[in-house]
Structures are given as structure tokens and as C-alpha cells.
Amino acid sequence: MTALPIRQPIRIIGIDPGLRRTGWGVIEAEGNRLIYVACGSVEPPDDLPLSSRLLSIHKGLAAVLSSHQPMEAAVEQTFVNKDGVATLKLGQARGVAMLAPAMFGISVAEYAPNQVKKTVVGAGHADKQQIAMMLKILLPKAEPPSADAADALAIAITHAHHRQSAALRLKVAGL
């Protein structure tokens, strides 16, 4: 009889990018078990110019990455709306959200908003209340201070469930 290999927990950060509030959530995944670590948001002052806001988001995420030391990261893909300027600005915040973990040598996966909702709630068009309710079940110790922090935890959970297939896609692509 041989012993099964012990699975090492994987620390994952989920990031919900935004110019006003960038949510972040850190969990540990050990097999199917999810453990809440921390969550919060980076909130640059509204009166800063765009470049300074982006820098503030980067510094805030770098501090979180430094203190919680995740092994993998996941970022929500940009939701394209009718306002092209707003979408472009959100894309810049998303770029910073992807850059920060990459600068720490952390691989970054991307997930569509509907995939996050479907993974956490079971329906691709779930609302924020449904996500919050499922977070209480999946991560009972988590008390996100904002909807953005809750979304970031949902993104981290999504990565925990899909990380093997994301790694396979990267391997097939030769990255």
C-alpha cells in the first residue's frame, strides 16, 4: 500500500480591476478545500489624474502581493459597455492589475465575468447578492468590505476551480 502524495495548498489572489476601486481577494486552495486569507480594495482619490490613479493602484496591489505572497493570480476580463472612453480607462486599470502580479513573477489567468458568476453561483447572469450569498457558503470567514472585494474573492475561487485547465491552455500555447 502506497501513500498518496500530499497536496500543497496554493495561494491565489483574485483581482477585480477598476479606476475608483480595485478589489482584491486572497484564498488558499488545497484540493477542493478553499480557505479565506484576506480581501480588500485599493481606492485612489477621485481627484487624482489618471496616471496617478494607475500608479496608486499599482502601489496598492504591490503592497498586497508583498504581504500575502500569492503563487497564482486571476483577473476579471474587461466588460465592454457602450461608453468607449470608460471601457478604455477600465482597460488601463486592468493592465495595471495584470502587470503587478507579473512583476512579482506570478502567472496571471483571465476569466470572463459570466464564467466567474457561473462558477461561483451556477448561473452566468447572477447578481451581486447571489454572489455574496455563495461567498458566505464557500468562504464562511470572509466578510468583504465592498462588492469589489467580494468579486475579487469570486475571481480567486473561479481560478481555484479552473486553474488546471488554464495551465494546460498555457502549456499548449507554448508559454
N, C-alpha and C. Protein backbone atom coordinates (compact mmCIF):
# COMPACT_ATOMS: atom_id res chain seq x y z
N MET A 1 0.84 -1.18 0.00
CA MET A 1 0.00 0.00 0.00
C MET A 1 0.89 1.24 0.00
N THR A 2 0.67 2.14 -0.95
CA THR A 2 1.47 3.36 -1.02
C THR A 2 0.65 4.55 -0.59
N ALA A 3 1.32 5.49 0.04
CA ALA A 3 0.64 6.71 0.49
C ALA A 3 0.43 7.65 -0.69
N LEU A 4 -0.71 8.30 -0.69
CA LEU A 4 -0.97 9.30 -1.73
C LEU A 4 -0.15 10.55 -1.46
N PRO A 5 0.30 11.23 -2.52
CA PRO A 5 1.09 12.45 -2.30
C PRO A 5 0.23 13.52 -1.62
N ILE A 6 0.86 14.26 -0.71
CA ILE A 6 0.16 15.33 -0.02
C ILE A 6 0.10 16.54 -0.94
N ARG A 7 -1.08 17.08 -1.10
CA ARG A 7 -1.25 18.27 -1.94
C ARG A 7 -0.83 19.50 -1.15
N GLN A 8 -0.04 20.32 -1.79
CA GLN A 8 0.36 21.58 -1.17
C GLN A 8 -0.72 22.62 -1.43
N PRO A 9 -1.05 23.42 -0.43
CA PRO A 9 -2.02 24.49 -0.69
C PRO A 9 -1.45 25.52 -1.66
N ILE A 10 -2.31 26.05 -2.51
CA ILE A 10 -1.92 27.07 -3.49
C ILE A 10 -2.60 28.37 -3.07
N ARG A 11 -1.81 29.41 -2.87
CA ARG A 11 -2.36 30.73 -2.51
C ARG A 11 -2.65 31.49 -3.80
N ILE A 12 -3.88 31.96 -3.92
CA ILE A 12 -4.37 32.62 -5.13
C ILE A 12 -4.90 34.01 -4.80
N ILE A 13 -4.55 34.99 -5.62
CA ILE A 13 -5.16 36.31 -5.49
C ILE A 13 -6.08 36.54 -6.68
N GLY A 14 -7.28 37.00 -6.39
CA GLY A 14 -8.22 37.41 -7.42
C GLY A 14 -8.25 38.92 -7.42
N ILE A 15 -8.29 39.52 -8.60
CA ILE A 15 -8.29 40.98 -8.71
C ILE A 15 -9.45 41.41 -9.61
N ASP A 16 -10.26 42.34 -9.09
CA ASP A 16 -11.36 42.94 -9.84
C ASP A 16 -10.96 44.38 -10.15
N PRO A 17 -10.44 44.64 -11.36
CA PRO A 17 -9.89 45.96 -11.67
C PRO A 17 -10.94 47.05 -11.81
N GLY A 18 -10.58 48.24 -11.36
CA GLY A 18 -11.42 49.41 -11.51
C GLY A 18 -10.61 50.65 -11.18
N LEU A 19 -10.97 51.78 -11.77
CA LEU A 19 -10.24 53.03 -11.51
C LEU A 19 -10.59 53.63 -10.16
N ARG A 20 -11.84 53.49 -9.74
CA ARG A 20 -12.23 54.04 -8.44
C ARG A 20 -11.91 53.08 -7.31
N ARG A 21 -12.12 51.79 -7.57
CA ARG A 21 -11.89 50.77 -6.54
C ARG A 21 -11.46 49.49 -7.23
N THR A 22 -10.26 49.03 -6.94
CA THR A 22 -9.77 47.75 -7.44
C THR A 22 -9.85 46.76 -6.29
N GLY A 23 -10.74 45.78 -6.43
CA GLY A 23 -10.90 44.79 -5.38
C GLY A 23 -9.85 43.70 -5.49
N TRP A 24 -9.48 43.16 -4.32
CA TRP A 24 -8.55 42.03 -4.29
C TRP A 24 -9.02 41.04 -3.22
N GLY A 25 -8.77 39.78 -3.48
CA GLY A 25 -9.13 38.74 -2.52
C GLY A 25 -8.12 37.61 -2.60
N VAL A 26 -7.67 37.15 -1.44
CA VAL A 26 -6.67 36.08 -1.38
C VAL A 26 -7.29 34.87 -0.69
N ILE A 27 -7.14 33.71 -1.35
CA ILE A 27 -7.60 32.45 -0.78
C ILE A 27 -6.48 31.41 -0.91
N GLU A 28 -6.65 30.32 -0.19
CA GLU A 28 -5.78 29.16 -0.39
C GLU A 28 -6.67 28.01 -0.84
N ALA A 29 -6.21 27.29 -1.85
CA ALA A 29 -6.92 26.12 -2.35
C ALA A 29 -6.06 24.89 -2.07
N GLU A 30 -6.66 23.95 -1.36
CA GLU A 30 -5.98 22.70 -1.05
C GLU A 30 -6.90 21.58 -1.51
N GLY A 31 -6.65 21.10 -2.73
CA GLY A 31 -7.60 20.16 -3.33
C GLY A 31 -8.89 20.91 -3.60
N ASN A 32 -10.00 20.39 -3.07
CA ASN A 32 -11.30 21.06 -3.22
C ASN A 32 -11.60 22.01 -2.08
N ARG A 33 -10.74 22.06 -1.10
CA ARG A 33 -10.97 22.90 0.08
C ARG A 33 -10.49 24.33 -0.18
N LEU A 34 -11.34 25.30 0.12
CA LEU A 34 -11.00 26.71 -0.05
C LEU A 34 -10.90 27.37 1.32
N ILE A 35 -9.85 28.15 1.52
CA ILE A 35 -9.62 28.82 2.80
C ILE A 35 -9.46 30.31 2.55
N TYR A 36 -10.26 31.10 3.24
CA TYR A 36 -10.17 32.55 3.13
C TYR A 36 -8.90 33.05 3.82
N VAL A 37 -8.18 33.96 3.16
CA VAL A 37 -6.98 34.56 3.74
C VAL A 37 -7.24 36.04 4.04
N ALA A 38 -7.59 36.82 3.02
CA ALA A 38 -7.80 38.26 3.21
C ALA A 38 -8.48 38.84 1.98
N CYS A 39 -9.06 40.03 2.13
CA CYS A 39 -9.61 40.74 0.99
C CYS A 39 -9.70 42.23 1.32
N GLY A 40 -9.88 43.03 0.29
CA GLY A 40 -9.99 44.47 0.47
C GLY A 40 -10.03 45.15 -0.88
N SER A 41 -9.71 46.42 -0.89
CA SER A 41 -9.68 47.14 -2.16
C SER A 41 -8.66 48.27 -2.10
N VAL A 42 -8.18 48.62 -3.27
CA VAL A 42 -7.28 49.76 -3.43
C VAL A 42 -8.14 50.88 -3.98
N GLU A 43 -8.17 52.03 -3.29
CA GLU A 43 -9.07 53.12 -3.66
C GLU A 43 -8.30 54.43 -3.80
N PRO A 44 -7.83 54.73 -5.02
CA PRO A 44 -7.12 56.00 -5.21
C PRO A 44 -8.10 57.18 -5.09
N PRO A 45 -7.64 58.33 -4.62
CA PRO A 45 -8.52 59.50 -4.54
C PRO A 45 -9.07 59.88 -5.91
N ASP A 46 -10.36 60.27 -5.94
CA ASP A 46 -11.04 60.61 -7.20
C ASP A 46 -10.43 61.81 -7.91
N ASP A 47 -9.78 62.70 -7.16
CA ASP A 47 -9.29 63.94 -7.77
C ASP A 47 -7.91 63.79 -8.43
N LEU A 48 -7.33 62.61 -8.37
CA LEU A 48 -6.02 62.39 -9.00
C LEU A 48 -6.16 62.28 -10.51
N PRO A 49 -5.14 62.72 -11.25
CA PRO A 49 -5.15 62.47 -12.70
C PRO A 49 -5.02 60.96 -12.96
N LEU A 50 -5.41 60.55 -14.15
CA LEU A 50 -5.44 59.13 -14.50
C LEU A 50 -4.11 58.43 -14.22
N SER A 51 -3.01 59.03 -14.63
CA SER A 51 -1.70 58.38 -14.44
C SER A 51 -1.41 58.16 -12.96
N SER A 52 -1.77 59.10 -12.12
CA SER A 52 -1.53 58.96 -10.68
C SER A 52 -2.45 57.91 -10.07
N ARG A 53 -3.66 57.81 -10.58
CA ARG A 53 -4.58 56.78 -10.09
C ARG A 53 -4.05 55.39 -10.43
N LEU A 54 -3.54 55.25 -11.66
CA LEU A 54 -2.97 53.97 -12.07
C LEU A 54 -1.76 53.61 -11.20
N LEU A 55 -0.93 54.60 -10.91
CA LEU A 55 0.22 54.38 -10.04
C LEU A 55 -0.23 53.97 -8.64
N SER A 56 -1.25 54.61 -8.13
CA SER A 56 -1.79 54.28 -6.81
C SER A 56 -2.31 52.85 -6.77
N ILE A 57 -2.99 52.43 -7.84
CA ILE A 57 -3.48 51.05 -7.92
C ILE A 57 -2.31 50.08 -7.92
N HIS A 58 -1.28 50.41 -8.69
CA HIS A 58 -0.10 49.54 -8.76
C HIS A 58 0.57 49.42 -7.39
N LYS A 59 0.78 50.54 -6.73
CA LYS A 59 1.43 50.51 -5.41
C LYS A 59 0.60 49.72 -4.40
N GLY A 60 -0.72 49.92 -4.43
CA GLY A 60 -1.59 49.20 -3.52
C GLY A 60 -1.56 47.69 -3.75
N LEU A 61 -1.63 47.29 -5.02
CA LEU A 61 -1.57 45.86 -5.33
C LEU A 61 -0.20 45.28 -5.00
N ALA A 62 0.86 46.05 -5.25
CA ALA A 62 2.21 45.57 -4.92
C ALA A 62 2.34 45.32 -3.42
N ALA A 63 1.74 46.19 -2.61
CA ALA A 63 1.79 46.00 -1.15
C ALA A 63 1.03 44.73 -0.75
N VAL A 64 -0.12 44.49 -1.37
CA VAL A 64 -0.90 43.29 -1.07
C VAL A 64 -0.13 42.04 -1.50
N LEU A 65 0.45 42.08 -2.70
CA LEU A 65 1.22 40.94 -3.20
C LEU A 65 2.42 40.65 -2.32
N SER A 66 3.07 41.70 -1.85
CA SER A 66 4.23 41.54 -0.99
C SER A 66 3.85 40.94 0.36
N SER A 67 2.74 41.38 0.93
CA SER A 67 2.39 40.90 2.27
C SER A 67 1.73 39.52 2.25
N HIS A 68 0.95 39.18 1.21
CA HIS A 68 0.24 37.90 1.19
C HIS A 68 0.91 36.83 0.34
N GLN A 69 1.85 37.21 -0.49
CA GLN A 69 2.66 36.31 -1.30
C GLN A 69 1.88 35.18 -1.99
N PRO A 70 0.93 35.56 -2.87
CA PRO A 70 0.22 34.52 -3.62
C PRO A 70 1.13 33.85 -4.63
N MET A 71 0.76 32.64 -5.03
CA MET A 71 1.52 31.88 -6.02
C MET A 71 0.95 32.04 -7.42
N GLU A 72 -0.36 32.33 -7.48
CA GLU A 72 -1.04 32.50 -8.75
C GLU A 72 -2.02 33.66 -8.64
N ALA A 73 -2.34 34.25 -9.80
CA ALA A 73 -3.26 35.39 -9.81
C ALA A 73 -4.31 35.20 -10.89
N ALA A 74 -5.47 35.81 -10.66
CA ALA A 74 -6.54 35.79 -11.65
C ALA A 74 -7.17 37.17 -11.70
N VAL A 75 -7.45 37.64 -12.91
CA VAL A 75 -8.02 38.97 -13.13
C VAL A 75 -9.27 38.81 -13.98
N GLU A 76 -10.29 39.60 -13.64
CA GLU A 76 -11.51 39.57 -14.44
C GLU A 76 -11.28 40.30 -15.76
N GLN A 77 -11.80 39.73 -16.85
CA GLN A 77 -11.69 40.38 -18.15
C GLN A 77 -12.58 41.61 -18.17
N THR A 78 -12.23 42.57 -19.02
CA THR A 78 -12.96 43.83 -19.10
C THR A 78 -14.34 43.60 -19.67
N PHE A 79 -15.32 44.21 -19.01
CA PHE A 79 -16.69 44.21 -19.51
C PHE A 79 -16.82 45.40 -20.45
N VAL A 80 -17.11 45.15 -21.72
CA VAL A 80 -17.20 46.22 -22.71
C VAL A 80 -18.61 46.79 -22.67
N ASN A 81 -18.69 48.11 -22.46
CA ASN A 81 -20.01 48.76 -22.45
C ASN A 81 -20.10 49.76 -23.61
N LYS A 82 -21.16 50.54 -23.62
CA LYS A 82 -21.40 51.46 -24.73
C LYS A 82 -20.48 52.67 -24.71
N ASP A 83 -19.93 53.00 -23.55
CA ASP A 83 -19.05 54.16 -23.42
C ASP A 83 -17.60 53.72 -23.69
N GLY A 84 -17.14 54.00 -24.90
CA GLY A 84 -15.80 53.57 -25.31
C GLY A 84 -14.70 54.16 -24.46
N VAL A 85 -14.81 55.42 -24.04
CA VAL A 85 -13.79 56.07 -23.21
C VAL A 85 -13.69 55.38 -21.86
N ALA A 86 -14.84 55.09 -21.25
CA ALA A 86 -14.85 54.41 -19.95
C ALA A 86 -14.24 53.01 -20.07
N THR A 87 -14.56 52.31 -21.17
CA THR A 87 -14.01 50.98 -21.39
C THR A 87 -12.49 51.03 -21.53
N LEU A 88 -11.99 52.03 -22.26
CA LEU A 88 -10.54 52.18 -22.42
C LEU A 88 -9.86 52.44 -21.08
N LYS A 89 -10.44 53.32 -20.27
CA LYS A 89 -9.87 53.62 -18.96
C LYS A 89 -9.87 52.39 -18.06
N LEU A 90 -10.97 51.63 -18.09
CA LEU A 90 -11.03 50.41 -17.31
C LEU A 90 -9.97 49.42 -17.79
N GLY A 91 -9.75 49.39 -19.10
CA GLY A 91 -8.71 48.53 -19.66
C GLY A 91 -7.32 48.89 -19.15
N GLN A 92 -7.10 50.19 -18.92
CA GLN A 92 -5.81 50.61 -18.36
C GLN A 92 -5.66 50.13 -16.92
N ALA A 93 -6.72 50.20 -16.14
CA ALA A 93 -6.68 49.69 -14.76
C ALA A 93 -6.46 48.18 -14.79
N ARG A 94 -7.08 47.51 -15.74
CA ARG A 94 -6.90 46.06 -15.88
C ARG A 94 -5.45 45.72 -16.25
N GLY A 95 -4.85 46.55 -17.09
CA GLY A 95 -3.44 46.35 -17.44
C GLY A 95 -2.55 46.44 -16.22
N VAL A 96 -2.81 47.40 -15.35
CA VAL A 96 -2.04 47.53 -14.10
C VAL A 96 -2.29 46.31 -13.21
N ALA A 97 -3.55 45.85 -13.16
CA ALA A 97 -3.90 44.68 -12.35
C ALA A 97 -3.19 43.41 -12.83
N MET A 98 -2.89 43.35 -14.12
CA MET A 98 -2.16 42.21 -14.66
C MET A 98 -0.66 42.39 -14.52
N LEU A 99 -0.21 43.64 -14.61
CA LEU A 99 1.21 43.93 -14.52
C LEU A 99 1.77 43.69 -13.12
N ALA A 100 1.04 44.09 -12.10
CA ALA A 100 1.54 43.99 -10.73
C ALA A 100 1.94 42.55 -10.37
N PRO A 101 1.06 41.54 -10.54
CA PRO A 101 1.50 40.18 -10.21
C PRO A 101 2.62 39.69 -11.14
N ALA A 102 2.56 40.09 -12.42
CA ALA A 102 3.60 39.66 -13.36
C ALA A 102 4.96 40.16 -12.92
N MET A 103 5.02 41.36 -12.34
CA MET A 103 6.29 41.90 -11.86
C MET A 103 6.83 41.12 -10.67
N PHE A 104 5.95 40.38 -9.98
CA PHE A 104 6.37 39.52 -8.87
C PHE A 104 6.65 38.10 -9.34
N GLY A 105 6.58 37.88 -10.66
CA GLY A 105 6.84 36.55 -11.22
C GLY A 105 5.66 35.60 -11.07
N ILE A 106 4.47 36.15 -10.89
CA ILE A 106 3.27 35.35 -10.68
C ILE A 106 2.50 35.24 -11.99
N SER A 107 2.11 34.02 -12.37
CA SER A 107 1.32 33.85 -13.59
C SER A 107 -0.08 34.42 -13.37
N VAL A 108 -0.65 34.98 -14.43
CA VAL A 108 -1.95 35.65 -14.34
C VAL A 108 -2.92 34.99 -15.32
N ALA A 109 -4.04 34.49 -14.79
CA ALA A 109 -5.10 33.94 -15.61
C ALA A 109 -6.21 34.98 -15.74
N GLU A 110 -7.01 34.85 -16.79
CA GLU A 110 -8.09 35.80 -17.03
C GLU A 110 -9.41 35.03 -17.15
N TYR A 111 -10.46 35.61 -16.57
CA TYR A 111 -11.77 34.98 -16.60
C TYR A 111 -12.84 36.00 -16.95
N ALA A 112 -13.77 35.60 -17.81
CA ALA A 112 -14.88 36.46 -18.18
C ALA A 112 -15.85 36.59 -17.00
N PRO A 113 -16.51 37.74 -16.86
CA PRO A 113 -17.45 37.92 -15.75
C PRO A 113 -18.51 36.81 -15.67
N ASN A 114 -19.05 36.37 -16.82
CA ASN A 114 -20.06 35.32 -16.81
C ASN A 114 -19.50 33.98 -16.33
N GLN A 115 -18.22 33.71 -16.64
CA GLN A 115 -17.61 32.47 -16.17
C GLN A 115 -17.45 32.50 -14.65
N VAL A 116 -17.09 33.67 -14.10
CA VAL A 116 -16.95 33.82 -12.65
C VAL A 116 -18.31 33.56 -11.99
N LYS A 117 -19.35 34.18 -12.50
CA LYS A 117 -20.69 34.01 -11.93
C LYS A 117 -21.16 32.57 -12.03
N LYS A 118 -20.92 31.95 -13.19
CA LYS A 118 -21.35 30.56 -13.38
C LYS A 118 -20.60 29.62 -12.45
N THR A 119 -19.31 29.86 -12.23
CA THR A 119 -18.51 29.01 -11.35
C THR A 119 -18.97 29.13 -9.90
N VAL A 120 -19.18 30.35 -9.45
CA VAL A 120 -19.49 30.58 -8.03
C VAL A 120 -20.96 30.32 -7.71
N VAL A 121 -21.86 30.77 -8.59
CA VAL A 121 -23.29 30.69 -8.30
C VAL A 121 -23.98 29.56 -9.07
N GLY A 122 -23.45 29.23 -10.25
CA GLY A 122 -24.08 28.21 -11.08
C GLY A 122 -24.89 28.80 -12.22
N ALA A 123 -24.94 30.14 -12.28
CA ALA A 123 -25.66 30.82 -13.36
C ALA A 123 -24.81 31.98 -13.85
N GLY A 124 -24.67 32.11 -15.18
CA GLY A 124 -23.81 33.12 -15.76
C GLY A 124 -24.32 34.54 -15.66
N HIS A 125 -25.58 34.71 -15.23
CA HIS A 125 -26.14 36.06 -15.11
C HIS A 125 -26.60 36.34 -13.68
N ALA A 126 -25.85 35.81 -12.72
CA ALA A 126 -26.18 36.02 -11.31
C ALA A 126 -25.92 37.48 -10.92
N ASP A 127 -26.65 37.94 -9.90
CA ASP A 127 -26.43 39.32 -9.43
C ASP A 127 -25.49 39.32 -8.23
N LYS A 128 -25.13 40.51 -7.78
CA LYS A 128 -24.15 40.67 -6.70
C LYS A 128 -24.62 40.03 -5.40
N GLN A 129 -25.93 40.06 -5.13
CA GLN A 129 -26.45 39.45 -3.91
C GLN A 129 -26.27 37.94 -3.92
N GLN A 130 -26.48 37.32 -5.08
CA GLN A 130 -26.30 35.88 -5.19
C GLN A 130 -24.84 35.50 -4.99
N ILE A 131 -23.94 36.31 -5.53
CA ILE A 131 -22.50 36.06 -5.35
C ILE A 131 -22.15 36.18 -3.86
N ALA A 132 -22.65 37.23 -3.20
CA ALA A 132 -22.37 37.44 -1.77
C ALA A 132 -22.89 36.26 -0.95
N MET A 133 -24.06 35.75 -1.29
CA MET A 133 -24.64 34.62 -0.55
C MET A 133 -23.78 33.36 -0.71
N MET A 134 -23.31 33.10 -1.94
CA MET A 134 -22.48 31.92 -2.17
C MET A 134 -21.11 32.07 -1.50
N LEU A 135 -20.59 33.29 -1.45
CA LEU A 135 -19.30 33.51 -0.77
C LEU A 135 -19.41 33.13 0.70
N LYS A 136 -20.55 33.43 1.33
CA LYS A 136 -20.74 33.07 2.75
C LYS A 136 -20.72 31.56 2.94
N ILE A 137 -21.17 30.84 1.93
CA ILE A 137 -21.16 29.37 2.00
C ILE A 137 -19.76 28.82 1.72
N LEU A 138 -19.13 29.34 0.65
CA LEU A 138 -17.82 28.82 0.23
C LEU A 138 -16.67 29.29 1.12
N LEU A 139 -16.77 30.52 1.61
CA LEU A 139 -15.72 31.10 2.46
C LEU A 139 -16.39 31.74 3.69
N PRO A 140 -16.83 30.92 4.66
CA PRO A 140 -17.62 31.44 5.77
C PRO A 140 -16.92 32.52 6.61
N LYS A 141 -15.61 32.53 6.64
CA LYS A 141 -14.89 33.52 7.44
C LYS A 141 -14.70 34.86 6.72
N ALA A 142 -15.02 34.90 5.43
CA ALA A 142 -14.83 36.12 4.65
C ALA A 142 -15.95 37.12 4.92
N GLU A 143 -15.56 38.35 5.13
CA GLU A 143 -16.52 39.46 5.25
C GLU A 143 -16.02 40.60 4.38
N PRO A 144 -16.24 40.51 3.05
CA PRO A 144 -15.72 41.54 2.15
C PRO A 144 -16.29 42.91 2.48
N PRO A 145 -15.42 43.94 2.55
CA PRO A 145 -15.87 45.29 2.88
C PRO A 145 -16.58 46.00 1.73
N SER A 146 -16.49 45.44 0.52
CA SER A 146 -17.13 46.08 -0.65
C SER A 146 -17.49 45.00 -1.66
N ALA A 147 -18.35 45.37 -2.60
CA ALA A 147 -18.72 44.45 -3.69
C ALA A 147 -17.51 44.11 -4.54
N ASP A 148 -16.57 45.05 -4.66
CA ASP A 148 -15.37 44.79 -5.46
C ASP A 148 -14.48 43.73 -4.80
N ALA A 149 -14.37 43.77 -3.48
CA ALA A 149 -13.60 42.76 -2.76
C ALA A 149 -14.30 41.40 -2.87
N ALA A 150 -15.63 41.39 -2.80
CA ALA A 150 -16.39 40.15 -2.96
C ALA A 150 -16.18 39.58 -4.36
N ASP A 151 -16.23 40.45 -5.38
CA ASP A 151 -16.00 40.00 -6.75
C ASP A 151 -14.59 39.42 -6.90
N ALA A 152 -13.61 40.04 -6.24
CA ALA A 152 -12.22 39.55 -6.32
C ALA A 152 -12.11 38.16 -5.70
N LEU A 153 -12.80 37.93 -4.58
CA LEU A 153 -12.80 36.59 -3.98
C LEU A 153 -13.45 35.58 -4.94
N ALA A 154 -14.53 35.99 -5.61
CA ALA A 154 -15.19 35.11 -6.58
C ALA A 154 -14.25 34.78 -7.74
N ILE A 155 -13.45 35.75 -8.16
CA ILE A 155 -12.47 35.52 -9.23
C ILE A 155 -11.40 34.52 -8.77
N ALA A 156 -10.96 34.66 -7.52
CA ALA A 156 -9.97 33.71 -6.97
C ALA A 156 -10.56 32.30 -6.90
N ILE A 157 -11.82 32.20 -6.47
CA ILE A 157 -12.49 30.89 -6.41
C ILE A 157 -12.59 30.28 -7.81
N THR A 158 -12.93 31.11 -8.79
CA THR A 158 -13.01 30.63 -10.17
C THR A 158 -11.68 30.07 -10.62
N HIS A 159 -10.60 30.77 -10.30
CA HIS A 159 -9.28 30.28 -10.68
C HIS A 159 -8.97 28.97 -9.96
N ALA A 160 -9.34 28.87 -8.70
CA ALA A 160 -9.09 27.62 -7.96
C ALA A 160 -9.77 26.44 -8.65
N HIS A 161 -10.95 26.67 -9.21
CA HIS A 161 -11.70 25.59 -9.87
C HIS A 161 -11.22 25.32 -11.29
N HIS A 162 -10.65 26.33 -11.95
CA HIS A 162 -10.28 26.17 -13.37
C HIS A 162 -8.77 26.24 -13.61
N ARG A 163 -7.97 26.29 -12.57
CA ARG A 163 -6.53 26.52 -12.74
C ARG A 163 -5.84 25.41 -13.53
N GLN A 164 -6.28 24.18 -13.39
CA GLN A 164 -5.63 23.08 -14.12
C GLN A 164 -5.85 23.24 -15.62
N SER A 165 -7.07 23.60 -16.03
CA SER A 165 -7.33 23.78 -17.45
C SER A 165 -6.65 25.05 -17.98
N ALA A 166 -6.52 26.07 -17.14
CA ALA A 166 -5.80 27.31 -17.54
C ALA A 166 -4.32 26.99 -17.76
N ALA A 167 -3.74 26.18 -16.88
CA ALA A 167 -2.32 25.80 -17.02
C ALA A 167 -2.11 24.97 -18.28
N LEU A 168 -3.06 24.09 -18.57
CA LEU A 168 -2.96 23.26 -19.78
C LEU A 168 -3.02 24.13 -21.04
N ARG A 169 -3.91 25.14 -21.05
CA ARG A 169 -4.00 26.04 -22.21
C ARG A 169 -2.69 26.76 -22.44
N LEU A 170 -2.05 27.24 -21.35
CA LEU A 170 -0.76 27.92 -21.47
C LEU A 170 0.32 26.99 -22.00
N LYS A 171 0.29 25.73 -21.52
CA LYS A 171 1.28 24.75 -21.97
C LYS A 171 1.11 24.45 -23.45
N VAL A 172 -0.13 24.30 -23.88
CA VAL A 172 -0.41 24.01 -25.30
C VAL A 172 0.00 25.20 -26.17
N ALA A 173 -0.21 26.42 -25.66
CA ALA A 173 0.16 27.62 -26.41
C ALA A 173 1.67 27.84 -26.43
N GLY A 174 2.40 27.07 -25.61
CA GLY A 174 3.85 27.18 -25.59
C GLY A 174 4.37 28.33 -24.75
N LEU A 175 3.58 28.78 -23.79
CA LEU A 175 4.02 29.88 -22.92
C LEU A 175 4.59 29.38 -21.62
